Amino acid sequence: MKKVLSIVLVLIFLLGLMGCSSKEKIPSISEVSQMKYSEVNEALSGKDIQAIRDAWGEPVESDDKEDVWQLDESMLLFITYNYTGIIESCELICGTPLAPAE
């Protein structure tokens, strides 16, 4: 009986690990740059900002509860997170880079 119970507990533990890892899937920066605005919010909202930094490296800018990522030459991603580091919203900004000051 103990052997069966041990096997069941191990299986439950492994299933729990698989469920947690699938929830935390973070798309790459190149994947995000190909997504629509609503897809970006769905993919990143509720994630931990530190998990994003671990996956993508450091943002180009970081301010009070907001990180900015350069997706490509003309696309910026603004990620706003709460005081616990959980992402609340994302905003894609498309524009051309500024000309260097003379």
Protein backbone atom coordinates (compact mmCIF):
# COMPACT_ATOMS: atom_id res chain seq x y z
CA MET A 1 0.00 0.00 0.00
CA LYS A 2 2.82 2.42 0.86
CA LYS A 3 4.44 1.72 -2.50
CA VAL A 4 1.25 2.59 -4.41
CA LEU A 5 0.76 5.74 -2.35
CA SER A 6 4.37 6.78 -3.00
CA ILE A 7 3.95 6.29 -6.75
CA VAL A 8 0.72 8.30 -6.78
CA LEU A 9 2.36 11.14 -4.84
CA VAL A 10 5.33 11.21 -7.22
CA LEU A 11 2.99 11.32 -10.22
CA ILE A 12 0.98 14.17 -8.69
CA PHE A 13 4.21 16.07 -8.00
CA LEU A 14 5.46 15.59 -11.58
CA LEU A 15 2.12 16.67 -13.05
CA GLY A 16 2.22 19.76 -10.85
CA LEU A 17 5.69 20.63 -12.12
CA MET A 18 4.60 20.25 -15.72
CA GLY A 19 1.59 22.49 -15.12
CA CYS A 20 3.72 25.22 -13.51
CA SER A 21 6.31 25.24 -16.28
CA SER A 22 3.71 25.55 -19.03
CA LYS A 23 2.09 28.55 -17.30
CA GLU A 24 5.42 30.36 -17.11
CA LYS A 25 6.34 30.06 -20.81
CA ILE A 26 7.82 33.34 -21.88
CA PRO A 27 7.98 34.10 -25.59
CA SER A 28 11.26 35.37 -27.00
CA ILE A 29 11.69 39.03 -27.95
CA SER A 30 11.54 38.10 -31.64
CA GLU A 31 8.26 36.24 -31.07
CA VAL A 32 6.81 39.25 -29.24
CA SER A 33 7.80 41.59 -32.08
CA GLN A 34 5.63 39.49 -34.43
CA MET A 35 2.57 39.49 -32.14
CA LYS A 36 -0.48 41.71 -32.15
CA TYR A 37 -1.03 44.06 -29.21
CA SER A 38 -3.68 41.82 -27.61
CA GLU A 39 -1.47 38.74 -27.99
CA VAL A 40 1.43 40.49 -26.24
CA ASN A 41 -0.77 41.42 -23.28
CA GLU A 42 -2.18 37.90 -23.08
CA ALA A 43 1.28 36.31 -23.27
CA LEU A 44 2.94 38.55 -20.67
CA SER A 45 0.26 39.77 -18.23
CA GLY A 46 0.54 38.08 -14.86
CA LYS A 47 4.16 37.01 -15.41
CA ASP A 48 6.96 38.01 -13.06
CA ILE A 49 9.13 40.84 -14.43
CA GLN A 50 12.25 39.09 -13.16
CA ALA A 51 11.38 36.04 -15.29
CA ILE A 52 11.19 38.36 -18.33
CA ARG A 53 14.57 39.92 -17.47
CA ASP A 54 16.07 36.45 -16.98
CA ALA A 55 14.78 35.36 -20.39
CA TRP A 56 15.51 38.56 -22.35
CA GLY A 57 18.39 40.22 -20.50
CA GLU A 58 18.24 43.77 -19.19
CA PRO A 59 15.78 46.31 -20.65
CA VAL A 60 17.03 49.40 -22.49
CA GLU A 61 15.35 51.51 -19.80
CA SER A 62 13.91 50.78 -16.39
CA ASP A 63 11.99 53.25 -14.27
CA ASP A 64 9.58 53.10 -11.36
CA LYS A 65 7.60 49.91 -12.12
CA GLU A 66 8.12 50.14 -15.90
CA ASP A 67 10.66 48.51 -18.22
CA VAL A 68 11.24 49.40 -21.86
CA TRP A 69 12.45 46.83 -24.38
CA GLN A 70 13.72 47.55 -27.91
CA LEU A 71 12.07 44.88 -30.08
CA ASP A 72 13.54 46.07 -33.38
CA GLU A 73 14.70 49.33 -35.00
CA SER A 74 11.28 50.96 -34.75
CA MET A 75 9.34 49.02 -32.10
CA LEU A 76 9.43 49.54 -28.34
CA LEU A 77 7.63 47.46 -25.72
CA PHE A 78 6.68 49.17 -22.45
CA ILE A 79 5.95 46.74 -19.61
CA THR A 80 4.25 48.05 -16.47
CA TYR A 81 4.34 45.91 -13.34
CA ASN A 82 3.07 46.25 -9.76
CA TYR A 83 5.02 46.53 -6.52
CA THR A 84 5.38 42.73 -6.31
CA GLY A 85 6.92 42.56 -9.81
CA ILE A 86 3.88 41.06 -11.57
CA ILE A 87 3.20 42.45 -15.04
CA GLU A 88 -0.05 44.40 -15.27
CA SER A 89 0.05 45.76 -18.83
CA CYS A 90 2.11 46.05 -21.99
CA GLU A 91 2.17 48.73 -24.65
CA LEU A 92 3.75 48.51 -28.09
CA ILE A 93 5.01 51.79 -29.52
CA CYS A 94 6.04 51.99 -33.15
CA GLY A 95 8.13 54.90 -34.34
CA THR A 96 11.34 55.84 -36.02
CA PRO A 97 14.54 56.32 -34.06
CA LEU A 98 15.53 59.88 -33.26
CA ALA A 99 18.30 61.45 -35.28
CA PRO A 100 21.50 62.00 -33.32
CA ALA A 101 21.91 65.49 -31.87
CA GLU A 102 24.55 67.63 -33.50
